[in-house]
Protein backbone atom coordinates (compact mmCIF):
# COMPACT_ATOMS: atom_id res chain seq x y z
CA MET A 1 0.02 0.03 0.05
CA ALA A 2 2.89 2.37 -0.85
CA ASP A 3 0.57 4.34 -3.13
CA ALA A 4 -1.80 5.05 -0.29
CA ALA A 5 1.06 6.34 1.82
CA ALA A 6 2.23 8.54 -1.02
CA ILE A 7 -1.32 9.95 -1.36
CA MET A 8 -1.47 10.70 2.26
CA GLU A 9 1.90 12.46 2.22
CA ALA A 10 1.08 14.59 -0.90
CA ALA A 11 -2.34 15.60 0.32
CA GLY A 12 -1.26 16.33 3.92
CA SER A 13 -4.12 15.37 6.29
CA ARG A 14 -6.91 15.99 3.80
CA PHE A 15 -7.69 12.21 3.24
CA SER A 16 -8.16 9.44 5.81
CA ASP A 17 -9.25 5.77 5.76
CA LEU A 18 -7.64 5.05 2.28
CA GLU A 19 -8.53 1.58 1.14
CA LEU A 20 -7.48 0.02 -2.19
CA ILE A 21 -10.74 -0.88 -4.08
CA GLY A 22 -9.49 -1.54 -7.75
CA ARG A 23 -6.58 -2.14 -9.96
CA GLY A 24 -6.57 -1.41 -13.71
CA SER A 25 -4.21 -1.08 -16.58
CA PHE A 26 -3.70 2.64 -15.86
CA GLY A 27 -3.42 2.62 -12.22
CA ASN A 28 -5.01 1.92 -8.78
CA VAL A 29 -8.29 3.24 -7.25
CA TYR A 30 -8.61 3.97 -3.67
CA LYS A 31 -11.66 4.84 -1.49
CA GLY A 32 -11.00 7.48 1.21
CA PHE A 33 -12.66 10.18 3.25
CA ASP A 34 -12.05 13.80 2.10
CA LYS A 35 -12.08 15.83 5.32
CA GLU A 36 -12.43 19.10 3.39
CA LEU A 37 -15.49 17.95 1.54
CA ASN A 38 -16.70 15.89 4.40
CA LYS A 39 -17.58 12.92 2.20
CA GLU A 40 -16.24 9.61 0.84
CA VAL A 41 -14.31 9.92 -2.51
CA ALA A 42 -12.64 7.83 -4.97
CA ILE A 43 -9.02 8.56 -5.88
CA LYS A 44 -7.46 7.07 -8.99
CA VAL A 45 -3.59 6.97 -8.88
CA ILE A 46 -2.29 6.82 -12.56
CA ASP A 47 1.39 5.70 -13.25
CA LEU A 48 2.33 8.26 -15.86
CA GLU A 49 5.41 6.37 -16.87
CA GLU A 50 3.42 3.23 -17.65
CA SER A 51 0.45 4.86 -19.45
């Protein structure tokens, strides 16, 4: 779950409870809670070098 740690580091404390929910050919999708929007969100992490 290195991607989740990288998301948390890049976004500061905005997101919490990140959970990997899917993998695809372009990247991974995480479910998390956005503290600024006060709602659950999906975050897609795309590997730009691979795409």
